[in-house]
């Protein structure tokens, strides 16, 4: 099912352990990947996740705004993890994910969507 907040394959061929058996940090990583693959389904398909085959992606203004909100949410959650409570591998994972969020938020589409999202320049065409 598209748009889920937990990592699920639409085909049901692969399963992930239930939330009760996983730490919050692992769930966040799964949610990050699920949101990433839902927004970039052609990339997911190229990675071998064939349940995304044929999905072109939604780049409407609503989808871009939703993606920006997701990125802000993931950034806040990842930054909130106390570094001293993370294993070395979890610290590395956190830094990689934060870098991915930062890179995507500084991409050309995000800069354009951010201007639209914040209402920058609204009404300037009507003057």
PDB file of N, CA and C in Angstrom:
ATOM      1  N   UNK A   1       0.841  -1.172   0.000  1.00  0.00           N
ATOM      2  CA  UNK A   1       0.000   0.000   0.000  1.00  0.00           C
ATOM      3  C   UNK A   1       0.889   1.239   0.000  1.00  0.00           C
ATOM      4  N   UNK A   2       0.634   2.169  -0.882  1.00  0.00           N
ATOM      5  CA  UNK A   2       1.437   3.382  -0.994  1.00  0.00           C
ATOM      6  C   UNK A   2       1.080   4.351   0.120  1.00  0.00           C
ATOM      7  N   UNK A   3       2.082   5.102   0.564  1.00  0.00           N
ATOM      8  CA  UNK A   3       1.858   6.136   1.550  1.00  0.00           C
ATOM      9  C   UNK A   3       1.852   5.653   2.995  1.00  0.00           C
ATOM     10  N   UNK A   4       2.199   4.395   3.217  1.00  0.00           N
ATOM     11  CA  UNK A   4       2.218   3.879   4.590  1.00  0.00           C
ATOM     12  C   UNK A   4       3.371   4.503   5.359  1.00  0.00           C
ATOM     13  N   UNK A   5       3.225   4.612   6.641  1.00  0.00           N
ATOM     14  CA  UNK A   5       4.291   5.172   7.459  1.00  0.00           C
ATOM     15  C   UNK A   5       5.225   4.090   7.987  1.00  0.00           C
ATOM     16  N   UNK A   6       4.910   2.863   7.761  1.00  0.00           N
ATOM     17  CA  UNK A   6       5.819   1.792   8.150  1.00  0.00           C
ATOM     18  C   UNK A   6       6.297   1.097   6.894  1.00  0.00           C
ATOM     19  N   UNK A   7       7.457   0.501   6.990  1.00  0.00           N
ATOM     20  CA  UNK A   7       8.075  -0.156   5.848  1.00  0.00           C
ATOM     21  C   UNK A   7       7.290  -1.414   5.504  1.00  0.00           C
ATOM     22  N   UNK A   8       6.667  -1.398   4.346  1.00  0.00           N
ATOM     23  CA  UNK A   8       5.938  -2.565   3.867  1.00  0.00           C
ATOM     24  C   UNK A   8       6.131  -2.671   2.381  1.00  0.00           C
ATOM     25  N   UNK A   9       6.266  -3.872   1.931  1.00  0.00           N
ATOM     26  CA  UNK A   9       6.294  -4.103   0.493  1.00  0.00           C
ATOM     27  C   UNK A   9       4.878  -4.375   0.040  1.00  0.00           C
ATOM     28  N   UNK A  10       4.498  -3.783  -1.079  1.00  0.00           N
ATOM     29  CA  UNK A  10       3.134  -3.971  -1.573  1.00  0.00           C
ATOM     30  C   UNK A  10       2.855  -5.424  -1.929  1.00  0.00           C
ATOM     31  N   UNK A  11       3.860  -6.147  -2.349  1.00  0.00           N
ATOM     32  CA  UNK A  11       3.630  -7.529  -2.769  1.00  0.00           C
ATOM     33  C   UNK A  11       3.440  -8.461  -1.588  1.00  0.00           C
ATOM     34  N   UNK A  12       3.894  -8.062  -0.412  1.00  0.00           N
ATOM     35  CA  UNK A  12       3.766  -8.909   0.760  1.00  0.00           C
ATOM     36  C   UNK A  12       4.762 -10.057   0.789  1.00  0.00           C
ATOM     37  N   UNK A  13       5.704 -10.081  -0.165  1.00  0.00           N
ATOM     38  CA  UNK A  13       6.669 -11.180  -0.207  1.00  0.00           C
ATOM     39  C   UNK A  13       7.696 -11.082   0.905  1.00  0.00           C
ATOM     40  N   UNK A  14       8.008  -9.873   1.322  1.00  0.00           N
ATOM     41  CA  UNK A  14       9.002  -9.693   2.379  1.00  0.00           C
ATOM     42  C   UNK A  14       8.320  -9.046   3.562  1.00  0.00           C
ATOM     43  N   UNK A  15       8.723  -9.415   4.726  1.00  0.00           N
ATOM     44  CA  UNK A  15       8.109  -8.863   5.926  1.00  0.00           C
ATOM     45  C   UNK A  15       9.190  -8.306   6.842  1.00  0.00           C
ATOM     46  N   UNK A  16       8.816  -7.324   7.604  1.00  0.00           N
ATOM     47  CA  UNK A  16       9.698  -6.723   8.599  1.00  0.00           C
ATOM     48  C   UNK A  16       9.138  -7.088   9.964  1.00  0.00           C
ATOM     49  N   UNK A  17      10.021  -7.255  10.928  1.00  0.00           N
ATOM     50  CA  UNK A  17       9.574  -7.600  12.277  1.00  0.00           C
ATOM     51  C   UNK A  17       8.579  -6.571  12.787  1.00  0.00           C
ATOM     52  N   UNK A  18       7.597  -6.985  13.581  1.00  0.00           N
ATOM     53  CA  UNK A  18       6.631  -6.028  14.114  1.00  0.00           C
ATOM     54  C   UNK A  18       7.315  -4.975  14.976  1.00  0.00           C
ATOM     55  N   UNK A  19       6.644  -3.826  15.133  1.00  0.00           N
ATOM     56  CA  UNK A  19       7.213  -2.722  15.902  1.00  0.00           C
ATOM     57  C   UNK A  19       7.636  -3.119  17.307  1.00  0.00           C
ATOM     58  N   UNK A  20       6.881  -3.988  17.953  1.00  0.00           N
ATOM     59  CA  UNK A  20       7.191  -4.353  19.332  1.00  0.00           C
ATOM     60  C   UNK A  20       8.555  -5.023  19.450  1.00  0.00           C
ATOM     61  N   UNK A  21       9.034  -5.610  18.357  1.00  0.00           N
ATOM     62  CA  UNK A  21      10.316  -6.308  18.393  1.00  0.00           C
ATOM     63  C   UNK A  21      11.459  -5.413  17.928  1.00  0.00           C
ATOM     64  N   UNK A  22      11.193  -4.173  17.644  1.00  0.00           N
ATOM     65  CA  UNK A  22      12.199  -3.291  17.085  1.00  0.00           C
ATOM     66  C   UNK A  22      12.344  -2.036  17.928  1.00  0.00           C
ATOM     67  N   UNK A  23      13.480  -1.437  17.859  1.00  0.00           N
ATOM     68  CA  UNK A  23      13.673  -0.183  18.589  1.00  0.00           C
ATOM     69  C   UNK A  23      13.070   0.973  17.801  1.00  0.00           C
ATOM     70  N   UNK A  24      12.799   2.042  18.485  1.00  0.00           N
ATOM     71  CA  UNK A  24      12.248   3.239  17.846  1.00  0.00           C
ATOM     72  C   UNK A  24      13.165   3.736  16.729  1.00  0.00           C
ATOM     73  N   UNK A  25      14.468   3.651  16.938  1.00  0.00           N
ATOM     74  CA  UNK A  25      15.419   4.124  15.922  1.00  0.00           C
ATOM     75  C   UNK A  25      15.283   3.326  14.633  1.00  0.00           C
ATOM     76  N   UNK A  26      15.101   2.032  14.739  1.00  0.00           N
ATOM     77  CA  UNK A  26      14.942   1.211  13.537  1.00  0.00           C
ATOM     78  C   UNK A  26      13.642   1.534  12.824  1.00  0.00           C
ATOM     79  N   UNK A  27      12.599   1.798  13.571  1.00  0.00           N
ATOM     80  CA  UNK A  27      11.311   2.153  12.979  1.00  0.00           C
ATOM     81  C   UNK A  27      11.439   3.462  12.209  1.00  0.00           C
ATOM     82  N   UNK A  28      12.165   4.422  12.768  1.00  0.00           N
ATOM     83  CA  UNK A  28      12.360   5.706  12.097  1.00  0.00           C
ATOM     84  C   UNK A  28      13.107   5.506  10.782  1.00  0.00           C
ATOM     85  N   UNK A  29      14.131   4.672  10.779  1.00  0.00           N
ATOM     86  CA  UNK A  29      14.868   4.396   9.540  1.00  0.00           C
ATOM     87  C   UNK A  29      13.932   3.755   8.520  1.00  0.00           C
ATOM     88  N   UNK A  30      13.129   2.803   8.955  1.00  0.00           N
ATOM     89  CA  UNK A  30      12.167   2.171   8.045  1.00  0.00           C
ATOM     90  C   UNK A  30      11.172   3.187   7.487  1.00  0.00           C
ATOM     91  N   UNK A  31      10.687   4.081   8.337  1.00  0.00           N
ATOM     92  CA  UNK A  31       9.757   5.113   7.885  1.00  0.00           C
ATOM     93  C   UNK A  31      10.434   6.059   6.897  1.00  0.00           C
ATOM     94  N   UNK A  32      11.670   6.398   7.165  1.00  0.00           N
ATOM     95  CA  UNK A  32      12.422   7.262   6.255  1.00  0.00           C
ATOM     96  C   UNK A  32      12.538   6.615   4.880  1.00  0.00           C
ATOM     97  N   UNK A  33      12.925   5.345   4.858  1.00  0.00           N
ATOM     98  CA  UNK A  33      13.073   4.639   3.580  1.00  0.00           C
ATOM     99  C   UNK A  33      11.739   4.477   2.862  1.00  0.00           C
ATOM    100  N   UNK A  34      10.682   4.174   3.605  1.00  0.00           N
ATOM    101  CA  UNK A  34       9.357   4.030   2.986  1.00  0.00           C
ATOM    102  C   UNK A  34       8.926   5.344   2.339  1.00  0.00           C
ATOM    103  N   UNK A  35       9.140   6.460   3.032  1.00  0.00           N
ATOM    104  CA  UNK A  35       8.778   7.771   2.490  1.00  0.00           C
ATOM    105  C   UNK A  35       9.651   8.119   1.286  1.00  0.00           C
ATOM    106  N   UNK A  36      10.926   7.785   1.368  1.00  0.00           N
ATOM    107  CA  UNK A  36      11.845   8.039   0.259  1.00  0.00           C
ATOM    108  C   UNK A  36      11.422   7.267  -0.984  1.00  0.00           C
ATOM    109  N   UNK A  37      11.136   5.991  -0.821  1.00  0.00           N
ATOM    110  CA  UNK A  37      10.761   5.157  -1.963  1.00  0.00           C
ATOM    111  C   UNK A  37       9.386   5.532  -2.505  1.00  0.00           C
ATOM    112  N   UNK A  38       8.475   5.964  -1.643  1.00  0.00           N
ATOM    113  CA  UNK A  38       7.169   6.424  -2.132  1.00  0.00           C
ATOM    114  C   UNK A  38       7.318   7.698  -2.964  1.00  0.00           C
ATOM    115  N   UNK A  39       8.249   8.573  -2.589  1.00  0.00           N
ATOM    116  CA  UNK A  39       8.428   9.815  -3.332  1.00  0.00           C
ATOM    117  C   UNK A  39       9.247   9.599  -4.601  1.00  0.00           C
ATOM    118  N   UNK A  40      10.196   8.661  -4.553  1.00  0.00           N
ATOM    119  CA  UNK A  40      11.057   8.354  -5.702  1.00  0.00           C
ATOM    120  C   UNK A  40      10.878   6.888  -6.105  1.00  0.00           C
ATOM    121  N   UNK A  41       9.697   6.500  -6.595  1.00  0.00           N
ATOM    122  CA  UNK A  41       9.465   5.089  -6.891  1.00  0.00           C
ATOM    123  C   UNK A  41      10.331   4.538  -8.028  1.00  0.00           C
ATOM    124  N   UNK A  42      10.722   5.369  -8.994  1.00  0.00           N
ATOM    125  CA  UNK A  42      11.577   4.850 -10.061  1.00  0.00           C
ATOM    126  C   UNK A  42      12.961   4.510  -9.521  1.00  0.00           C
ATOM    127  N   UNK A  43      13.431   5.281  -8.558  1.00  0.00           N
ATOM    128  CA  UNK A  43      14.710   4.974  -7.924  1.00  0.00           C
ATOM    129  C   UNK A  43      14.602   3.669  -7.138  1.00  0.00           C
ATOM    130  N   UNK A  44      13.493   3.500  -6.414  1.00  0.00           N
ATOM    131  CA  UNK A  44      13.279   2.261  -5.659  1.00  0.00           C
ATOM    132  C   UNK A  44      13.260   1.062  -6.603  1.00  0.00           C
ATOM    133  N   UNK A  45      12.597   1.208  -7.743  1.00  0.00           N
ATOM    134  CA  UNK A  45      12.539   0.113  -8.716  1.00  0.00           C
ATOM    135  C   UNK A  45      13.929  -0.205  -9.252  1.00  0.00           C
ATOM    136  N   UNK A  46      14.738   0.825  -9.487  1.00  0.00           N
ATOM    137  CA  UNK A  46      16.112   0.584  -9.967  1.00  0.00           C
ATOM    138  C   UNK A  46      16.964  -0.104  -8.917  1.00  0.00           C
ATOM    139  N   UNK A  47      16.605   0.063  -7.651  1.00  0.00           N
ATOM    140  CA  UNK A  47      17.318  -0.637  -6.576  1.00  0.00           C
ATOM    141  C   UNK A  47      16.888  -2.089  -6.453  1.00  0.00           C
ATOM    142  N   UNK A  48      15.876  -2.479  -7.239  1.00  0.00           N
ATOM    143  CA  UNK A  48      15.412  -3.859  -7.217  1.00  0.00           C
ATOM    144  C   UNK A  48      14.118  -4.072  -6.472  1.00  0.00           C
ATOM    145  N   UNK A  49      13.482  -3.022  -6.017  1.00  0.00           N
ATOM    146  CA  UNK A  49      12.192  -3.136  -5.339  1.00  0.00           C
ATOM    147  C   UNK A  49      11.102  -3.081  -6.415  1.00  0.00           C
ATOM    148  N   UNK A  50      10.843  -4.207  -7.017  1.00  0.00           N
ATOM    149  CA  UNK A  50       9.992  -4.264  -8.204  1.00  0.00           C
ATOM    150  C   UNK A  50       8.526  -3.976  -7.928  1.00  0.00           C
ATOM    151  N   UNK A  51       8.136  -3.930  -6.670  1.00  0.00           N
ATOM    152  CA  UNK A  51       6.771  -3.529  -6.361  1.00  0.00           C
ATOM    153  C   UNK A  51       6.529  -2.058  -6.718  1.00  0.00           C
ATOM    154  N   UNK A  52       7.615  -1.316  -7.020  1.00  0.00           N
ATOM    155  CA  UNK A  52       7.496   0.072  -7.439  1.00  0.00           C
ATOM    156  C   UNK A  52       7.556   0.221  -8.958  1.00  0.00           C
ATOM    157  N   UNK A  53       7.714  -0.881  -9.675  1.00  0.00           N
ATOM    158  CA  UNK A  53       7.753  -0.823 -11.141  1.00  0.00           C
ATOM    159  C   UNK A  53       6.489  -0.168 -11.672  1.00  0.00           C
ATOM    160  N   UNK A  54       6.649   0.736 -12.612  1.00  0.00           N
ATOM    161  CA  UNK A  54       5.508   1.359 -13.250  1.00  0.00           C
ATOM    162  C   UNK A  54       4.942   2.566 -12.526  1.00  0.00           C
ATOM    163  N   UNK A  55       5.470   2.904 -11.365  1.00  0.00           N
ATOM    164  CA  UNK A  55       5.004   4.090 -10.639  1.00  0.00           C
ATOM    165  C   UNK A  55       5.915   5.249 -11.007  1.00  0.00           C
ATOM    166  N   UNK A  56       5.396   6.274 -11.664  1.00  0.00           N
ATOM    167  CA  UNK A  56       6.252   7.377 -12.096  1.00  0.00           C
ATOM    168  C   UNK A  56       6.601   8.367 -10.983  1.00  0.00           C
ATOM    169  N   UNK A  57       5.836   8.409  -9.936  1.00  0.00           N
ATOM    170  CA  UNK A  57       6.056   9.381  -8.873  1.00  0.00           C
ATOM    171  C   UNK A  57       5.095  10.543  -9.009  1.00  0.00           C
ATOM    172  N   UNK A  58       4.805  11.176  -7.906  1.00  0.00           N
ATOM    173  CA  UNK A  58       3.887  12.305  -7.862  1.00  0.00           C
ATOM    174  C   UNK A  58       4.686  13.544  -7.500  1.00  0.00           C
ATOM    175  N   UNK A  59       4.813  14.464  -8.449  1.00  0.00           N
ATOM    176  CA  UNK A  59       5.565  15.682  -8.205  1.00  0.00           C
ATOM    177  C   UNK A  59       4.655  16.913  -8.267  1.00  0.00           C
ATOM    178  N   UNK A  60       3.399  16.705  -7.877  1.00  0.00           N
ATOM    179  CA  UNK A  60       2.472  17.827  -7.782  1.00  0.00           C
ATOM    180  C   UNK A  60       2.919  18.725  -6.633  1.00  0.00           C
ATOM    181  N   UNK A  61       2.392  19.937  -6.596  1.00  0.00           N
ATOM    182  CA  UNK A  61       2.755  20.860  -5.516  1.00  0.00           C
ATOM    183  C   UNK A  61       2.394  20.275  -4.153  1.00  0.00           C
ATOM    184  N   UNK A  62       1.243  19.603  -4.063  1.00  0.00           N
ATOM    185  CA  UNK A  62       0.852  18.981  -2.793  1.00  0.00           C
ATOM    186  C   UNK A  62       1.857  17.924  -2.369  1.00  0.00           C
ATOM    187  N   UNK A  63       2.317  17.112  -3.322  1.00  0.00           N
ATOM    188  CA  UNK A  63       3.291  16.062  -3.010  1.00  0.00           C
ATOM    189  C   UNK A  63       4.627  16.671  -2.592  1.00  0.00           C
ATOM    190  N   UNK A  64       5.038  17.740  -3.262  1.00  0.00           N
ATOM    191  CA  UNK A  64       6.294  18.401  -2.891  1.00  0.00           C
ATOM    192  C   UNK A  64       6.201  19.001  -1.489  1.00  0.00           C
ATOM    193  N   UNK A  65       5.088  19.649  -1.200  1.00  0.00           N
ATOM    194  CA  UNK A  65       4.891  20.221   0.135  1.00  0.00           C
ATOM    195  C   UNK A  65       4.882  19.130   1.203  1.00  0.00           C
ATOM    196  N   UNK A  66       4.219  18.013   0.903  1.00  0.00           N
ATOM    197  CA  UNK A  66       4.176  16.889   1.843  1.00  0.00           C
ATOM    198  C   UNK A  66       5.581  16.330   2.071  1.00  0.00           C
ATOM    199  N   UNK A  67       6.381  16.234   0.995  1.00  0.00           N
ATOM    200  CA  UNK A  67       7.746  15.730   1.129  1.00  0.00           C
ATOM    201  C   UNK A  67       8.586  16.670   1.986  1.00  0.00           C
ATOM    202  N   UNK A  68       8.429  17.962   1.804  1.00  0.00           N
ATOM    203  CA  UNK A  68       9.174  18.914   2.637  1.00  0.00           C
ATOM    204  C   UNK A  68       8.800  18.779   4.109  1.00  0.00           C
ATOM    205  N   UNK A  69       7.518  18.575   4.374  1.00  0.00           N
ATOM    206  CA  UNK A  69       7.097  18.365   5.772  1.00  0.00           C
ATOM    207  C   UNK A  69       7.700  17.077   6.321  1.00  0.00           C
ATOM    208  N   UNK A  70       7.739  16.021   5.495  1.00  0.00           N
ATOM    209  CA  UNK A  70       8.353  14.760   5.933  1.00  0.00           C
ATOM    210  C   UNK A  70       9.824  14.976   6.262  1.00  0.00           C
ATOM    211  N   UNK A  71      10.531  15.674   5.390  1.00  0.00           N
ATOM    212  CA  UNK A  71      11.959  15.913   5.619  1.00  0.00           C
ATOM    213  C   UNK A  71      12.189  16.696   6.907  1.00  0.00           C
ATOM    214  N   UNK A  72      11.366  17.702   7.151  1.00  0.00           N
ATOM    215  CA  UNK A  72      11.488  18.476   8.398  1.00  0.00           C
ATOM    216  C   UNK A  72      11.237  17.593   9.607  1.00  0.00           C
ATOM    217  N   UNK A  73      10.225  16.732   9.505  1.00  0.00           N
ATOM    218  CA  UNK A  73       9.892  15.824  10.608  1.00  0.00           C
ATOM    219  C   UNK A  73      11.052  14.855  10.870  1.00  0.00           C
ATOM    220  N   UNK A  74      11.588  14.245   9.805  1.00  0.00           N
ATOM    221  CA  UNK A  74      12.692  13.303   9.988  1.00  0.00           C
ATOM    222  C   UNK A  74      13.922  14.001  10.552  1.00  0.00           C
ATOM    223  N   UNK A  75      14.209  15.204  10.090  1.00  0.00           N
ATOM    224  CA  UNK A  75      15.358  15.936  10.606  1.00  0.00           C
ATOM    225  C   UNK A  75      15.210  16.192  12.105  1.00  0.00           C
ATOM    226  N   UNK A  76      14.031  16.626  12.526  1.00  0.00           N
ATOM    227  CA  UNK A  76      13.798  16.894  13.952  1.00  0.00           C
ATOM    228  C   UNK A  76      13.927  15.624  14.789  1.00  0.00           C
ATOM    229  N   UNK A  77      13.366  14.533  14.301  1.00  0.00           N
ATOM    230  CA  UNK A  77      13.435  13.266  15.042  1.00  0.00           C
ATOM    231  C   UNK A  77      14.873  12.784  15.141  1.00  0.00           C
ATOM    232  N   UNK A  78      15.595  12.804  14.024  1.00  0.00           N
ATOM    233  CA  UNK A  78      16.977  12.317  14.022  1.00  0.00           C
ATOM    234  C   UNK A  78      17.867  13.179  14.903  1.00  0.00           C
ATOM    235  N   UNK A  79      17.673  14.493  14.889  1.00  0.00           N
ATOM    236  CA  UNK A  79      18.486  15.371  15.723  1.00  0.00           C
ATOM    237  C   UNK A  79      18.166  15.206  17.204  1.00  0.00           C
ATOM    238  N   UNK A  80      16.964  14.720  17.505  1.00  0.00           N
ATOM    239  CA  UNK A  80      16.556  14.558  18.904  1.00  0.00           C
ATOM    240  C   UNK A  80      17.166  13.330  19.578  1.00  0.00           C
ATOM    241  N   UNK A  81      17.670  12.377  18.796  1.00  0.00           N
ATOM    242  CA  UNK A  81      18.271  11.197  19.403  1.00  0.00           C
ATOM    243  C   UNK A  81      19.538  11.606  20.146  1.00  0.00           C
ATOM    244  N   UNK A  82      19.627  11.296  21.441  1.00  0.00           N
ATOM    245  CA  UNK A  82      20.843  11.643  22.187  1.00  0.00           C
ATOM    246  C   UNK A  82      22.026  10.823  21.675  1.00  0.00           C
ATOM    247  N   UNK A  83      23.062  11.516  21.266  1.00  0.00           N
ATOM    248  CA  UNK A  83      24.197  10.848  20.636  1.00  0.00           C
ATOM    249  C   UNK A  83      24.850   9.810  21.553  1.00  0.00           C
ATOM    250  N   UNK A  84      24.889  10.095  22.854  1.00  0.00           N
ATOM    251  CA  UNK A  84      25.543   9.158  23.777  1.00  0.00           C
ATOM    252  C   UNK A  84      24.734   7.876  23.974  1.00  0.00           C
ATOM    253  N   UNK A  85      23.477   7.859  23.542  1.00  0.00           N
ATOM    254  CA  UNK A  85      22.656   6.647  23.665  1.00  0.00           C
ATOM    255  C   UNK A  85      22.721   5.781  22.416  1.00  0.00           C
ATOM    256  N   UNK A  86      23.435   6.228  21.395  1.00  0.00           N
ATOM    257  CA  UNK A  86      23.516   5.490  20.141  1.00  0.00           C
ATOM    258  C   UNK A  86      24.802   4.682  20.068  1.00  0.00           C
ATOM    259  N   UNK A  87      24.706   3.535  19.432  1.00  0.00           N
ATOM    260  CA  UNK A  87      25.906   2.743  19.161  1.00  0.00           C
ATOM    261  C   UNK A  87      26.688   3.446  18.053  1.00  0.00           C
ATOM    262  N   UNK A  88      27.947   3.084  17.845  1.00  0.00           N
ATOM    263  CA  UNK A  88      28.704   3.694  16.734  1.00  0.00           C
ATOM    264  C   UNK A  88      27.996   3.525  15.381  1.00  0.00           C
ATOM    265  N   UNK A  89      27.425   2.369  15.129  1.00  0.00           N
ATOM    266  CA  UNK A  89      26.715   2.147  13.866  1.00  0.00           C
ATOM    267  C   UNK A  89      25.469   3.028  13.766  1.00  0.00           C
ATOM    268  N   UNK A  90      24.745   3.166  14.865  1.00  0.00           N
ATOM    269  CA  UNK A  90      23.549   4.018  14.865  1.00  0.00           C
ATOM    270  C   UNK A  90      23.915   5.494  14.682  1.00  0.00           C
ATOM    271  N   UNK A  91      25.059   5.914  15.244  1.00  0.00           N
ATOM    272  CA  UNK A  91      25.514   7.294  15.040  1.00  0.00           C
ATOM    273  C   UNK A  91      25.839   7.530  13.569  1.00  0.00           C
ATOM    274  N   UNK A  92      26.490   6.550  12.955  1.00  0.00           N
ATOM    275  CA  UNK A  92      26.810   6.659  11.534  1.00  0.00           C
ATOM    276  C   UNK A  92      25.525   6.701  10.701  1.00  0.00           C
ATOM    277  N   UNK A  93      24.587   5.817  10.999  1.00  0.00           N
ATOM    278  CA  UNK A  93      23.305   5.804  10.291  1.00  0.00           C
ATOM    279  C   UNK A  93      22.601   7.155  10.428  1.00  0.00           C
ATOM    280  N   UNK A  94      22.602   7.686  11.632  1.00  0.00           N
ATOM    281  CA  UNK A  94      21.955   8.979  11.892  1.00  0.00           C
ATOM    282  C   UNK A  94      22.600  10.077  11.052  1.00  0.00           C
ATOM    283  N   UNK A  95      23.919  10.107  11.016  1.00  0.00           N
ATOM    284  CA  UNK A  95      24.619  11.139  10.239  1.00  0.00           C
ATOM    285  C   UNK A  95      24.365  10.989   8.739  1.00  0.00           C
ATOM    286  N   UNK A  96      24.310   9.760   8.251  1.00  0.00           N
ATOM    287  CA  UNK A  96      24.023   9.522   6.831  1.00  0.00           C
ATOM    288  C   UNK A  96      22.608  10.004   6.497  1.00  0.00           C
ATOM    289  N   UNK A  97      21.649   9.674   7.359  1.00  0.00           N
ATOM    290  CA  UNK A  97      20.265  10.098   7.112  1.00  0.00           C
ATOM    291  C   UNK A  97      20.122  11.619   7.200  1.00  0.00           C
ATOM    292  N   UNK A  98      20.781  12.240   8.171  1.00  0.00           N
ATOM    293  CA  UNK A  98      20.727  13.703   8.269  1.00  0.00           C
ATOM    294  C   UNK A  98      21.353  14.355   7.033  1.00  0.00           C
ATOM    295  N   UNK A  99      22.435  13.780   6.535  1.00  0.00           N
ATOM    296  CA  UNK A  99      23.060  14.310   5.312  1.00  0.00           C
ATOM    297  C   UNK A  99      22.125  14.143   4.116  1.00  0.00           C
ATOM    298  N   UNK A 100      21.417  13.018   4.054  1.00  0.00           N
ATOM    299  CA  UNK A 100      20.457  12.793   2.965  1.00  0.00           C
ATOM    300  C   UNK A 100      19.316  13.804   3.031  1.00  0.00           C
ATOM    301  N   UNK A 101      18.828  14.064   4.228  1.00  0.00           N
ATOM    302  CA  UNK A 101      17.761  15.062   4.403  1.00  0.00           C
ATOM    303  C   UNK A 101      18.269  16.425   3.966  1.00  0.00           C
ATOM    304  N   UNK A 102      19.457  16.789   4.427  1.00  0.00           N
ATOM    305  CA  UNK A 102      20.023  18.090   4.084  1.00  0.00           C
ATOM    306  C   UNK A 102      20.240  18.224   2.579  1.00  0.00           C
ATOM    307  N   UNK A 103      20.730  17.178   1.963  1.00  0.00           N
ATOM    308  CA  UNK A 103      20.971  17.206   0.513  1.00  0.00           C
ATOM    309  C   UNK A 103      19.663  17.379  -0.251  1.00  0.00           C
ATOM    310  N   UNK A 104      18.638  16.632   0.157  1.00  0.00           N
ATOM    311  CA  UNK A 104      17.363  16.736  -0.540  1.00  0.00           C
ATOM    312  C   UNK A 104      16.718  18.103  -0.320  1.00  0.00           C
ATOM    313  N   UNK A 105      16.826  18.627   0.887  1.00  0.00           N
ATOM    314  CA  UNK A 105      16.239  19.944   1.175  1.00  0.00           C
ATOM    315  C   UNK A 105      16.955  21.066   0.435  1.00  0.00           C
ATOM    316  N   UNK A 106      18.201  20.853   0.025  1.00  0.00           N
ATOM    317  CA  UNK A 106      18.932  21.873  -0.727  1.00  0.00           C
ATOM    318  C   UNK A 106      18.892  21.622  -2.231  1.00  0.00           C
ATOM    319  N   UNK A 107      18.136  20.624  -2.675  1.00  0.00           N
ATOM    320  CA  UNK A 107      18.024  20.329  -4.102  1.00  0.00           C
ATOM    321  C   UNK A 107      17.192  21.399  -4.801  1.00  0.00           C
ATOM    322  N   UNK A 108      17.352  21.539  -6.104  1.00  0.00           N
ATOM    323  CA  UNK A 108      16.592  22.572  -6.833  1.00  0.00           C
ATOM    324  C   UNK A 108      15.076  22.455  -6.675  1.00  0.00           C
ATOM    325  N   UNK A 109      14.525  21.226  -6.717  1.00  0.00           N
ATOM    326  CA  UNK A 109      13.065  21.102  -6.576  1.00  0.00           C
ATOM    327  C   UNK A 109      12.620  21.561  -5.199  1.00  0.00           C
ATOM    328  N   UNK A 110      13.422  21.263  -4.178  1.00  0.00           N
ATOM    329  CA  UNK A 110      13.033  21.645  -2.818  1.00  0.00           C
ATOM    330  C   UNK A 110      13.110  23.156  -2.631  1.00  0.00           C
ATOM    331  N   UNK A 111      14.097  23.788  -3.250  1.00  0.00           N
ATOM    332  CA  UNK A 111      14.200  25.241  -3.143  1.00  0.00           C
ATOM    333  C   UNK A 111      12.993  25.921  -3.794  1.00  0.00           C
ATOM    334  N   UNK A 112      12.585  25.406  -4.947  1.00  0.00           N
ATOM    335  CA  UNK A 112      11.413  25.950  -5.630  1.00  0.00           C
ATOM    336  C   UNK A 112      10.155  25.698  -4.819  1.00  0.00           C
ATOM    337  N   UNK A 113      10.020  24.464  -4.309  1.00  0.00           N
ATOM    338  CA  UNK A 113       8.839  24.121  -3.516  1.00  0.00           C
ATOM    339  C   UNK A 113       8.810  24.901  -2.213  1.00  0.00           C
ATOM    340  N   UNK A 114       9.969  25.148  -1.619  1.00  0.00           N
ATOM    341  CA  UNK A 114      10.032  25.898  -0.376  1.00  0.00           C
ATOM    342  C   UNK A 114       9.524  27.319  -0.591  1.00  0.00           C
ATOM    343  N   UNK A 115       9.910  27.933  -1.702  1.00  0.00           N
ATOM    344  CA  UNK A 115       9.440  29.286  -1.995  1.00  0.00           C
ATOM    345  C   UNK A 115       7.925  29.297  -2.147  1.00  0.00           C
ATOM    346  N   UNK A 116       7.398  28.282  -2.811  1.00  0.00           N
ATOM    347  CA  UNK A 116       5.953  28.185  -2.987  1.00  0.00           C
ATOM    348  C   UNK A 116       5.271  27.859  -1.663  1.00  0.00           C
ATOM    349  N   UNK A 117       5.881  26.949  -0.898  1.00  0.00           N
ATOM    350  CA  UNK A 117       5.326  26.501   0.375  1.00  0.00           C
ATOM    351  C   UNK A 117       5.235  27.659   1.359  1.00  0.00           C
ATOM    352  N   UNK A 118       6.238  28.534   1.361  1.00  0.00           N
ATOM    353  CA  UNK A 118       6.250  29.638   2.310  1.00  0.00           C
ATOM    354  C   UNK A 118       5.454  30.833   1.821  1.00  0.00           C
ATOM    355  N   UNK A 119       4.983  30.754   0.577  1.00  0.00           N
ATOM    356  CA  UNK A 119       4.207  31.860   0.032  1.00  0.00           C
ATOM    357  C   UNK A 119       5.062  32.988  -0.488  1.00  0.00           C
ATOM    358  N   UNK A 120       6.360  32.747  -0.662  1.00  0.00           N
ATOM    359  CA  UNK A 120       7.251  33.791  -1.159  1.00  0.00           C
ATOM    360  C   UNK A 120       6.820  34.227  -2.541  1.00  0.00           C
ATOM    361  N   UNK A 121       6.748  35.505  -2.711  1.00  0.00           N
ATOM    362  CA  UNK A 121       6.410  36.045  -4.009  1.00  0.00           C
ATOM    363  C   UNK A 121       4.933  35.978  -4.346  1.00  0.00           C
ATOM    364  N   UNK A 122       4.074  35.593  -3.414  1.00  0.00           N
ATOM    365  CA  UNK A 122       2.662  35.495  -3.744  1.00  0.00           C
ATOM    366  C   UNK A 122       2.099  36.869  -4.027  1.00  0.00           C
ATOM    367  N   UNK A 123       1.331  36.925  -5.059  1.00  0.00           N
ATOM    368  CA  UNK A 123       0.688  38.169  -5.429  1.00  0.00           C
ATOM    369  C   UNK A 123       1.546  39.077  -6.293  1.00  0.00           C
ATOM    370  N   UNK A 124       2.803  38.738  -6.517  1.00  0.00           N
ATOM    371  CA  UNK A 124       3.674  39.608  -7.284  1.00  0.00           C
ATOM    372  C   UNK A 124       3.277  39.685  -8.752  1.00  0.00           C
ATOM    373  N   UNK A 125       2.603  38.686  -9.286  1.00  0.00           N
ATOM    374  CA  UNK A 125       2.203  38.684 -10.687  1.00  0.00           C
ATOM    375  C   UNK A 125       0.976  39.573 -10.924  1.00  0.00           C
ATOM    376  N   UNK A 126       0.271  39.910  -9.885  1.00  0.00           N
ATOM    377  CA  UNK A 126      -0.976  40.666 -10.025  1.00  0.00           C
ATOM    378  C   UNK A 126      -0.769  42.161  -9.930  1.00  0.00           C
ATOM    379  N   UNK A 127       0.438  42.624  -9.637  1.00  0.00           N
ATOM    380  CA  UNK A 127       0.627  44.058  -9.446  1.00  0.00           C
ATOM    381  C   UNK A 127       0.779  44.818 -10.740  1.00  0.00           C
TER     382      UNK A 127
END
